[in-house]
Amino acid sequence: MNCELSKQTMPEYWAGSLGEAERVQFEVHLSECAECRLEAEDLSKLWRGIGLIPATETAEPSRELRARFYQSLGAYQAGLEESKKFARPSLVETMKGWWPKQPMMQFATAMAMLVVGVGAGWFARSPAVKTEDNEMARLRTEVGSMKQLVTLSLLQQQSASDRLRGVSWAYRVEQSDTEVLSALLTTVNQDQSVNVRLAAVDALRPFAGSPVARKGIVQSLTRQESPMVQAALIDLIVEIKEKPARQSLEMVSAGEKFNPAIRERAKKALTELQ
């Protein structure tokens, strides 16, 4: 088994649909090829992470979501291989330069291209009928569910770099997604990495229209021990003009346990919120 065939086989391998002979060939190739082994491990982490997400009554993904995940990934990989037969060499080299190396990012790009492709085909056809509208709505819902799954999964990982990627994925979900919002607030308050907490504060900006988000941002200020995170929260409070935060800012500006620079920053924020 070569590398190209190995990449095409990965979705079926993690889905458990490979035959015994193919599975053995795939595992033998992984033991000999470090690049394919690393890519397989990344995809395995994503799959295991998604499996850790608890089911909820309010936002349970459809039962077909896993199957669609691998169908989409497999279809894209097959399409990429087919397109190489007709692409000019210069175009292939260009694609290699900008195409993501990580399987998860490849999937995200593939999903975006899928949505664009379906949308373009929809507009190119005759006036849409009701069934086409329903199909587009279903596709948007499933893509949104997949983005939510990836975001929540990455935010629960042990690696700080994975959690940072989860924060970056939070920008792709709908601003009405309360589960991702709750996960970001938890990350701001509890994550062990200051860098992850700082990134999570920035990721809360798109959710600033939510009363839950604004209240959580204010409550987080007095819970923080890192001056950098405290400064980021104060700046965000001023940016979203959250005047109910005055009491928390006064507490920070007068609190001896806070860094002098943070106390001055809080005093300035009080002036700007008048």
C-alpha atoms as a PDB file:
ATOM      1  CA  MET A   1       0.000   0.000   0.000  1.00  0.00           C
ATOM      2  CA  ASN A   2       1.387   3.425  -0.971  1.00  0.00           C
ATOM      3  CA  CYS A   3       0.806   6.803   0.675  1.00  0.00           C
ATOM      4  CA  GLU A   4      -1.969   7.908  -1.692  1.00  0.00           C
ATOM      5  CA  LEU A   5      -3.967   4.751  -1.115  1.00  0.00           C
ATOM      6  CA  SER A   6      -3.291   5.006   2.617  1.00  0.00           C
ATOM      7  CA  LYS A   7      -4.833   8.495   2.769  1.00  0.00           C
ATOM      8  CA  GLN A   8      -7.886   7.286   0.892  1.00  0.00           C
ATOM      9  CA  THR A   9      -8.215   4.376   3.327  1.00  0.00           C
ATOM     10  CA  MET A  10      -8.020   6.399   6.554  1.00  0.00           C
ATOM     11  CA  PRO A  11     -11.728   7.301   6.767  1.00  0.00           C
ATOM     12  CA  GLU A  12     -12.805   3.671   6.344  1.00  0.00           C
ATOM     13  CA  TYR A  13     -10.141   2.503   8.826  1.00  0.00           C
ATOM     14  CA  TRP A  14     -11.340   4.770  11.639  1.00  0.00           C
ATOM     15  CA  ALA A  15     -14.943   4.031  10.750  1.00  0.00           C
ATOM     16  CA  GLY A  16     -14.203   0.315  11.201  1.00  0.00           C
ATOM     17  CA  SER A  17     -15.443  -0.620   7.725  1.00  0.00           C
ATOM     18  CA  LEU A  18     -12.205  -2.063   6.285  1.00  0.00           C
ATOM     19  CA  GLY A  19     -11.867  -5.760   5.568  1.00  0.00           C
ATOM     20  CA  GLU A  20      -9.271  -7.765   7.478  1.00  0.00           C
ATOM     21  CA  ALA A  21      -6.767  -7.876   4.623  1.00  0.00           C
ATOM     22  CA  GLU A  22      -7.030  -4.143   3.895  1.00  0.00           C
ATOM     23  CA  ARG A  23      -6.746  -3.319   7.594  1.00  0.00           C
ATOM     24  CA  VAL A  24      -3.535  -5.328   7.924  1.00  0.00           C
ATOM     25  CA  GLN A  25      -2.028  -3.685   4.817  1.00  0.00           C
ATOM     26  CA  PHE A  26      -2.956  -0.257   6.140  1.00  0.00           C
ATOM     27  CA  GLU A  27      -1.393  -0.901   9.566  1.00  0.00           C
ATOM     28  CA  VAL A  28       1.759  -2.294   7.990  1.00  0.00           C
ATOM     29  CA  HIS A  29       2.088   0.857   5.871  1.00  0.00           C
ATOM     30  CA  LEU A  30       1.634   3.061   8.953  1.00  0.00           C
ATOM     31  CA  SER A  31       4.412   1.197  10.723  1.00  0.00           C
ATOM     32  CA  GLU A  32       6.754   1.987   7.808  1.00  0.00           C
ATOM     33  CA  CYS A  33       5.664   5.550   6.881  1.00  0.00           C
ATOM     34  CA  ALA A  34       6.099   8.263   9.527  1.00  0.00           C
ATOM     35  CA  GLU A  35       4.202  10.902   7.552  1.00  0.00           C
ATOM     36  CA  CYS A  36       1.085   8.760   7.118  1.00  0.00           C
ATOM     37  CA  ARG A  37       1.323   7.604  10.729  1.00  0.00           C
ATOM     38  CA  LEU A  38       1.323  11.206  11.970  1.00  0.00           C
ATOM     39  CA  GLU A  39      -1.644  12.095   9.784  1.00  0.00           C
ATOM     40  CA  ALA A  40      -3.530   9.020  10.981  1.00  0.00           C
ATOM     41  CA  GLU A  41      -2.827   9.939  14.609  1.00  0.00           C
ATOM     42  CA  ASP A  42      -4.215  13.455  14.066  1.00  0.00           C
ATOM     43  CA  LEU A  43      -7.395  12.069  12.538  1.00  0.00           C
ATOM     44  CA  SER A  44      -7.660   9.551  15.380  1.00  0.00           C
ATOM     45  CA  LYS A  45      -7.432  12.342  17.987  1.00  0.00           C
ATOM     46  CA  LEU A  46     -10.224  14.243  16.269  1.00  0.00           C
ATOM     47  CA  TRP A  47     -12.415  11.143  16.118  1.00  0.00           C
ATOM     48  CA  ARG A  48     -11.796  10.240  19.776  1.00  0.00           C
ATOM     49  CA  GLY A  49     -12.386  13.840  20.817  1.00  0.00           C
ATOM     50  CA  ILE A  50     -15.736  13.952  19.062  1.00  0.00           C
ATOM     51  CA  GLY A  51     -16.659  10.764  20.864  1.00  0.00           C
ATOM     52  CA  LEU A  52     -16.016  12.491  24.219  1.00  0.00           C
ATOM     53  CA  ILE A  53     -18.689  15.121  23.643  1.00  0.00           C
ATOM     54  CA  PRO A  54     -21.723  14.252  25.798  1.00  0.00           C
ATOM     55  CA  ALA A  55     -25.072  13.991  24.113  1.00  0.00           C
ATOM     56  CA  THR A  56     -27.616  16.647  25.068  1.00  0.00           C
ATOM     57  CA  GLU A  57     -31.328  16.835  24.647  1.00  0.00           C
ATOM     58  CA  THR A  58     -31.221  20.350  23.249  1.00  0.00           C
ATOM     59  CA  ALA A  59     -28.513  20.040  20.573  1.00  0.00           C
ATOM     60  CA  GLU A  60     -28.046  16.409  19.654  1.00  0.00           C
ATOM     61  CA  PRO A  61     -26.462  15.883  16.208  1.00  0.00           C
ATOM     62  CA  SER A  62     -28.213  13.663  13.718  1.00  0.00           C
ATOM     63  CA  ARG A  63     -27.379   9.959  13.766  1.00  0.00           C
ATOM     64  CA  GLU A  64     -26.002  10.206  10.255  1.00  0.00           C
ATOM     65  CA  LEU A  65     -23.436  12.874  11.152  1.00  0.00           C
ATOM     66  CA  ARG A  66     -20.447  10.528  11.541  1.00  0.00           C
ATOM     67  CA  ALA A  67     -21.254   8.783   8.293  1.00  0.00           C
ATOM     68  CA  ARG A  68     -21.597  12.112   6.484  1.00  0.00           C
ATOM     69  CA  PHE A  69     -18.284  13.274   7.969  1.00  0.00           C
ATOM     70  CA  TYR A  70     -16.388  10.394   6.402  1.00  0.00           C
ATOM     71  CA  GLN A  71     -18.455  10.456   3.216  1.00  0.00           C
ATOM     72  CA  SER A  72     -17.587  14.141   2.721  1.00  0.00           C
ATOM     73  CA  LEU A  73     -13.913  13.611   3.517  1.00  0.00           C
ATOM     74  CA  GLY A  74     -13.689  10.538   1.290  1.00  0.00           C
ATOM     75  CA  ALA A  75     -15.558  12.264  -1.543  1.00  0.00           C
ATOM     76  CA  TYR A  76     -13.241  15.243  -1.396  1.00  0.00           C
ATOM     77  CA  GLN A  77     -10.101  13.110  -1.431  1.00  0.00           C
ATOM     78  CA  ALA A  78     -11.433  11.117  -4.362  1.00  0.00           C
ATOM     79  CA  GLY A  79     -12.293  14.329  -6.203  1.00  0.00           C
ATOM     80  CA  LEU A  80      -8.829  15.746  -5.551  1.00  0.00           C
ATOM     81  CA  GLU A  81      -7.184  12.648  -7.011  1.00  0.00           C
ATOM     82  CA  GLU A  82      -9.444  12.797 -10.070  1.00  0.00           C
ATOM     83  CA  SER A  83      -8.746  16.491 -10.630  1.00  0.00           C
ATOM     84  CA  LYS A  84      -4.983  15.833 -10.732  1.00  0.00           C
ATOM     85  CA  LYS A  85      -5.482  13.941 -13.982  1.00  0.00           C
ATOM     86  CA  PHE A  86      -6.674  17.081 -15.743  1.00  0.00           C
ATOM     87  CA  ALA A  87      -4.889  19.876 -13.867  1.00  0.00           C
ATOM     88  CA  ARG A  88      -1.938  21.659 -15.389  1.00  0.00           C
ATOM     89  CA  PRO A  89       1.344  21.109 -13.527  1.00  0.00           C
ATOM     90  CA  SER A  90       1.587  24.736 -12.482  1.00  0.00           C
ATOM     91  CA  LEU A  91      -1.890  24.639 -10.971  1.00  0.00           C
ATOM     92  CA  VAL A  92      -1.054  21.496  -9.020  1.00  0.00           C
ATOM     93  CA  GLU A  93       2.063  23.084  -7.579  1.00  0.00           C
ATOM     94  CA  THR A  94       0.055  26.183  -6.634  1.00  0.00           C
ATOM     95  CA  MET A  95      -2.560  24.080  -4.861  1.00  0.00           C
ATOM     96  CA  LYS A  96       0.136  22.296  -2.881  1.00  0.00           C
ATOM     97  CA  GLY A  97       1.318  25.636  -1.561  1.00  0.00           C
ATOM     98  CA  TRP A  98      -1.971  26.786  -0.035  1.00  0.00           C
ATOM     99  CA  TRP A  99      -3.700  23.512   0.772  1.00  0.00           C
ATOM    100  CA  PRO A 100      -3.664  22.741   4.568  1.00  0.00           C
ATOM    101  CA  LYS A 101      -1.414  19.946   5.785  1.00  0.00           C
ATOM    102  CA  GLN A 102      -3.519  18.808   8.756  1.00  0.00           C
ATOM    103  CA  PRO A 103      -6.465  16.464   8.089  1.00  0.00           C
ATOM    104  CA  MET A 104      -8.804  18.522  10.259  1.00  0.00           C
ATOM    105  CA  MET A 105      -8.073  21.709   8.348  1.00  0.00           C
ATOM    106  CA  GLN A 106      -8.385  19.798   5.078  1.00  0.00           C
ATOM    107  CA  PHE A 107     -11.818  18.679   6.138  1.00  0.00           C
ATOM    108  CA  ALA A 108     -12.845  22.219   7.108  1.00  0.00           C
ATOM    109  CA  THR A 109     -11.726  23.521   3.722  1.00  0.00           C
ATOM    110  CA  ALA A 110     -13.491  20.655   1.989  1.00  0.00           C
ATOM    111  CA  MET A 111     -16.720  21.427   3.829  1.00  0.00           C
ATOM    112  CA  ALA A 112     -16.462  25.082   2.842  1.00  0.00           C
ATOM    113  CA  MET A 113     -15.899  24.107  -0.800  1.00  0.00           C
ATOM    114  CA  LEU A 114     -18.833  21.704  -0.579  1.00  0.00           C
ATOM    115  CA  VAL A 115     -21.143  24.440   0.678  1.00  0.00           C
ATOM    116  CA  VAL A 116     -19.932  26.883  -1.999  1.00  0.00           C
ATOM    117  CA  GLY A 117     -20.316  24.244  -4.697  1.00  0.00           C
ATOM    118  CA  VAL A 118     -23.814  23.287  -3.649  1.00  0.00           C
ATOM    119  CA  GLY A 119     -24.788  26.949  -3.389  1.00  0.00           C
ATOM    120  CA  ALA A 120     -23.410  27.758  -6.850  1.00  0.00           C
ATOM    121  CA  GLY A 121     -25.250  24.819  -8.358  1.00  0.00           C
ATOM    122  CA  TRP A 122     -28.441  25.869  -6.631  1.00  0.00           C
ATOM    123  CA  PHE A 123     -28.321  29.403  -8.051  1.00  0.00           C
ATOM    124  CA  ALA A 124     -27.399  28.147 -11.524  1.00  0.00           C
ATOM    125  CA  ARG A 125     -30.483  25.972 -11.771  1.00  0.00           C
ATOM    126  CA  SER A 126     -34.029  27.021 -12.598  1.00  0.00           C
ATOM    127  CA  PRO A 127     -36.030  28.766  -9.815  1.00  0.00           C
ATOM    128  CA  ALA A 128     -35.704  26.679  -6.660  1.00  0.00           C
ATOM    129  CA  VAL A 129     -38.575  24.562  -5.488  1.00  0.00           C
ATOM    130  CA  LYS A 130     -39.474  23.993  -1.880  1.00  0.00           C
ATOM    131  CA  THR A 131     -37.598  20.693  -1.641  1.00  0.00           C
ATOM    132  CA  GLU A 132     -34.358  22.398  -2.710  1.00  0.00           C
ATOM    133  CA  ASP A 133     -34.813  25.022  -0.007  1.00  0.00           C
ATOM    134  CA  ASN A 134     -35.243  22.269   2.554  1.00  0.00           C
ATOM    135  CA  GLU A 135     -32.100  20.502   1.325  1.00  0.00           C
ATOM    136  CA  MET A 136     -30.023  23.682   1.605  1.00  0.00           C
ATOM    137  CA  ALA A 137     -31.366  24.318   5.112  1.00  0.00           C
ATOM    138  CA  ARG A 138     -30.511  20.752   6.121  1.00  0.00           C
ATOM    139  CA  LEU A 139     -26.994  21.105   4.721  1.00  0.00           C
ATOM    140  CA  ARG A 140     -26.407  24.352   6.615  1.00  0.00           C
ATOM    141  CA  THR A 141     -27.652  22.724   9.814  1.00  0.00           C
ATOM    142  CA  GLU A 142     -25.337  19.743   9.450  1.00  0.00           C
ATOM    143  CA  VAL A 143     -22.315  21.900   8.610  1.00  0.00           C
ATOM    144  CA  GLY A 144     -23.100  24.041  11.658  1.00  0.00           C
ATOM    145  CA  SER A 145     -23.361  20.922  13.820  1.00  0.00           C
ATOM    146  CA  MET A 146     -20.002  19.689  12.566  1.00  0.00           C
ATOM    147  CA  LYS A 147     -18.334  23.024  13.360  1.00  0.00           C
ATOM    148  CA  GLN A 148     -19.818  22.890  16.850  1.00  0.00           C
ATOM    149  CA  LEU A 149     -18.597  19.321  17.372  1.00  0.00           C
ATOM    150  CA  VAL A 150     -15.045  20.128  16.302  1.00  0.00           C
ATOM    151  CA  THR A 151     -14.936  23.279  18.458  1.00  0.00           C
ATOM    152  CA  LEU A 152     -16.203  21.587  21.610  1.00  0.00           C
ATOM    153  CA  SER A 153     -14.001  18.545  21.055  1.00  0.00           C
ATOM    154  CA  LEU A 154     -10.806  20.563  20.679  1.00  0.00           C
ATOM    155  CA  LEU A 155     -11.581  22.717  23.726  1.00  0.00           C
ATOM    156  CA  GLN A 156     -11.592  19.535  25.836  1.00  0.00           C
ATOM    157  CA  GLN A 157      -8.191  18.278  24.688  1.00  0.00           C
ATOM    158  CA  GLN A 158      -5.168  17.938  26.989  1.00  0.00           C
ATOM    159  CA  SER A 159      -2.854  19.795  24.625  1.00  0.00           C
ATOM    160  CA  ALA A 160      -2.895  23.599  24.885  1.00  0.00           C
ATOM    161  CA  SER A 161      -2.231  23.870  21.142  1.00  0.00           C
ATOM    162  CA  ASP A 162      -5.336  21.760  20.449  1.00  0.00           C
ATOM    163  CA  ARG A 163      -7.399  23.959  22.745  1.00  0.00           C
ATOM    164  CA  LEU A 164      -6.095  27.037  20.926  1.00  0.00           C
ATOM    165  CA  ARG A 165      -7.305  25.492  17.682  1.00  0.00           C
ATOM    166  CA  GLY A 166     -10.658  24.925  19.360  1.00  0.00           C
ATOM    167  CA  VAL A 167     -10.826  28.619  20.234  1.00  0.00           C
ATOM    168  CA  SER A 168     -10.085  29.521  16.601  1.00  0.00           C
ATOM    169  CA  TRP A 169     -12.898  27.199  15.481  1.00  0.00           C
ATOM    170  CA  ALA A 170     -15.297  29.114  17.766  1.00  0.00           C
ATOM    171  CA  TYR A 171     -15.192  32.003  15.282  1.00  0.00           C
ATOM    172  CA  ARG A 172     -16.878  29.740  12.698  1.00  0.00           C
ATOM    173  CA  VAL A 173     -19.998  28.850  14.664  1.00  0.00           C
ATOM    174  CA  GLU A 174     -23.207  30.862  14.812  1.00  0.00           C
ATOM    175  CA  GLN A 175     -23.325  33.647  17.393  1.00  0.00           C
ATOM    176  CA  SER A 176     -26.472  32.027  18.778  1.00  0.00           C
ATOM    177  CA  ASP A 177     -24.595  28.832  19.674  1.00  0.00           C
ATOM    178  CA  THR A 178     -25.015  28.765  23.457  1.00  0.00           C
ATOM    179  CA  GLU A 179     -22.957  25.576  23.927  1.00  0.00           C
ATOM    180  CA  VAL A 180     -19.855  27.072  22.333  1.00  0.00           C
ATOM    181  CA  LEU A 181     -20.402  30.319  24.259  1.00  0.00           C
ATOM    182  CA  SER A 182     -20.577  28.384  27.529  1.00  0.00           C
ATOM    183  CA  ALA A 183     -17.421  26.446  26.608  1.00  0.00           C
ATOM    184  CA  LEU A 184     -15.546  29.702  25.870  1.00  0.00           C
ATOM    185  CA  LEU A 185     -16.556  31.242  29.204  1.00  0.00           C
ATOM    186  CA  THR A 186     -15.432  28.078  30.990  1.00  0.00           C
ATOM    187  CA  THR A 187     -12.125  28.253  29.130  1.00  0.00           C
ATOM    188  CA  VAL A 188     -11.613  31.893  30.147  1.00  0.00           C
ATOM    189  CA  ASN A 189     -12.232  31.035  33.800  1.00  0.00           C
ATOM    190  CA  GLN A 190     -10.601  27.628  34.159  1.00  0.00           C
ATOM    191  CA  ASP A 191      -8.034  26.886  31.454  1.00  0.00           C
ATOM    192  CA  GLN A 192      -4.534  26.359  32.820  1.00  0.00           C
ATOM    193  CA  SER A 193      -2.873  28.126  29.888  1.00  0.00           C
ATOM    194  CA  VAL A 194      -2.796  31.921  29.924  1.00  0.00           C
ATOM    195  CA  ASN A 195      -2.441  31.950  26.135  1.00  0.00           C
ATOM    196  CA  VAL A 196      -5.584  29.868  25.732  1.00  0.00           C
ATOM    197  CA  ARG A 197      -7.498  32.119  28.139  1.00  0.00           C
ATOM    198  CA  LEU A 198      -6.375  35.224  26.253  1.00  0.00           C
ATOM    199  CA  ALA A 199      -7.461  33.701  22.938  1.00  0.00           C
ATOM    200  CA  ALA A 200     -10.818  32.753  24.460  1.00  0.00           C
ATOM    201  CA  VAL A 201     -11.383  36.353  25.605  1.00  0.00           C
ATOM    202  CA  ASP A 202     -10.865  37.533  22.019  1.00  0.00           C
ATOM    203  CA  ALA A 203     -13.201  34.815  20.732  1.00  0.00           C
ATOM    204  CA  LEU A 204     -15.990  36.172  22.962  1.00  0.00           C
ATOM    205  CA  ARG A 205     -16.211  39.379  20.908  1.00  0.00           C
ATOM    206  CA  PRO A 206     -18.587  37.938  18.261  1.00  0.00           C
ATOM    207  CA  PHE A 207     -20.891  36.820  21.108  1.00  0.00           C
ATOM    208  CA  ALA A 208     -20.967  40.270  22.754  1.00  0.00           C
ATOM    209  CA  GLY A 209     -24.580  40.781  21.731  1.00  0.00           C
ATOM    210  CA  SER A 210     -25.642  38.004  24.098  1.00  0.00           C
ATOM    211  CA  PRO A 211     -26.618  39.046  27.643  1.00  0.00           C
ATOM    212  CA  VAL A 212     -25.143  35.749  28.867  1.00  0.00           C
ATOM    213  CA  ALA A 213     -21.800  36.572  27.249  1.00  0.00           C
ATOM    214  CA  ARG A 214     -21.708  40.120  28.640  1.00  0.00           C
ATOM    215  CA  LYS A 215     -22.543  38.944  32.153  1.00  0.00           C
ATOM    216  CA  GLY A 216     -19.948  36.172  31.933  1.00  0.00           C
ATOM    217  CA  ILE A 217     -17.252  38.595  30.781  1.00  0.00           C
ATOM    218  CA  VAL A 218     -17.901  40.874  33.779  1.00  0.00           C
ATOM    219  CA  GLN A 219     -17.942  37.988  36.252  1.00  0.00           C
ATOM    220  CA  SER A 220     -14.676  36.646  34.862  1.00  0.00           C
ATOM    221  CA  LEU A 221     -12.777  39.862  35.610  1.00  0.00           C
ATOM    222  CA  THR A 222     -12.567  39.428  39.375  1.00  0.00           C
ATOM    223  CA  ARG A 223     -11.853  35.694  39.092  1.00  0.00           C
ATOM    224  CA  GLN A 224      -8.687  36.100  37.079  1.00  0.00           C
ATOM    225  CA  GLU A 225      -5.189  35.974  38.536  1.00  0.00           C
ATOM    226  CA  SER A 226      -3.261  36.731  35.350  1.00  0.00           C
ATOM    227  CA  PRO A 227      -2.761  40.473  34.754  1.00  0.00           C
ATOM    228  CA  MET A 228      -2.702  39.870  30.999  1.00  0.00           C
ATOM    229  CA  VAL A 229      -6.127  38.222  31.052  1.00  0.00           C
ATOM    230  CA  GLN A 230      -7.449  40.907  33.392  1.00  0.00           C
ATOM    231  CA  ALA A 231      -6.240  43.598  30.986  1.00  0.00           C
ATOM    232  CA  ALA A 232      -7.843  41.829  28.025  1.00  0.00           C
ATOM    233  CA  LEU A 233     -11.173  41.584  29.866  1.00  0.00           C
ATOM    234  CA  ILE A 234     -11.094  45.250  30.864  1.00  0.00           C
ATOM    235  CA  ASP A 235     -10.397  46.266  27.269  1.00  0.00           C
ATOM    236  CA  LEU A 236     -13.266  44.069  26.065  1.00  0.00           C
ATOM    237  CA  ILE A 237     -15.644  45.553  28.645  1.00  0.00           C
ATOM    238  CA  VAL A 238     -14.799  49.053  27.424  1.00  0.00           C
ATOM    239  CA  GLU A 239     -15.103  47.986  23.789  1.00  0.00           C
ATOM    240  CA  ILE A 240     -18.616  46.559  24.228  1.00  0.00           C
ATOM    241  CA  LYS A 241     -19.550  49.481  26.540  1.00  0.00           C
ATOM    242  CA  GLU A 242     -20.766  47.225  29.336  1.00  0.00           C
ATOM    243  CA  LYS A 243     -21.711  49.864  31.940  1.00  0.00           C
ATOM    244  CA  PRO A 244     -23.041  47.291  34.460  1.00  0.00           C
ATOM    245  CA  ALA A 245     -19.375  46.296  34.868  1.00  0.00           C
ATOM    246  CA  ARG A 246     -18.670  49.479  36.856  1.00  0.00           C
ATOM    247  CA  GLN A 247     -18.983  47.690  40.204  1.00  0.00           C
ATOM    248  CA  SER A 248     -16.439  45.043  39.208  1.00  0.00           C
ATOM    249  CA  LEU A 249     -14.095  47.687  37.815  1.00  0.00           C
ATOM    250  CA  GLU A 250     -14.315  49.672  41.039  1.00  0.00           C
ATOM    251  CA  MET A 251     -13.460  46.525  42.972  1.00  0.00           C
ATOM    252  CA  VAL A 252     -10.387  45.977  40.793  1.00  0.00           C
ATOM    253  CA  SER A 253      -9.276  49.609  40.936  1.00  0.00           C
ATOM    254  CA  ALA A 254      -9.410  49.584  44.755  1.00  0.00           C
ATOM    255  CA  GLY A 255      -8.202  46.040  45.358  1.00  0.00           C
ATOM    256  CA  GLU A 256      -4.688  45.757  46.728  1.00  0.00           C
ATOM    257  CA  LYS A 257      -4.347  42.195  45.446  1.00  0.00           C
ATOM    258  CA  PHE A 258      -4.424  43.451  41.854  1.00  0.00           C
ATOM    259  CA  ASN A 259      -1.397  44.577  39.896  1.00  0.00           C
ATOM    260  CA  PRO A 260      -0.929  48.390  40.059  1.00  0.00           C
ATOM    261  CA  ALA A 261      -1.028  48.622  36.263  1.00  0.00           C
ATOM    262  CA  ILE A 262      -4.323  46.718  36.212  1.00  0.00           C
ATOM    263  CA  ARG A 263      -5.761  48.975  38.900  1.00  0.00           C
ATOM    264  CA  GLU A 264      -4.886  52.023  36.794  1.00  0.00           C
ATOM    265  CA  ARG A 265      -6.381  50.368  33.727  1.00  0.00           C
ATOM    266  CA  ALA A 266      -9.612  49.733  35.630  1.00  0.00           C
ATOM    267  CA  LYS A 267      -9.751  53.393  36.751  1.00  0.00           C
ATOM    268  CA  LYS A 268      -9.338  54.516  33.156  1.00  0.00           C
ATOM    269  CA  ALA A 269     -12.062  52.117  32.056  1.00  0.00           C
ATOM    270  CA  LEU A 270     -14.432  53.605  34.661  1.00  0.00           C
ATOM    271  CA  THR A 271     -13.841  57.020  33.168  1.00  0.00           C
ATOM    272  CA  GLU A 272     -14.516  55.784  29.639  1.00  0.00           C
ATOM    273  CA  LEU A 273     -17.771  54.087  30.683  1.00  0.00           C
ATOM    274  CA  GLN A 274     -19.261  57.234  32.238  1.00  0.00           C
END
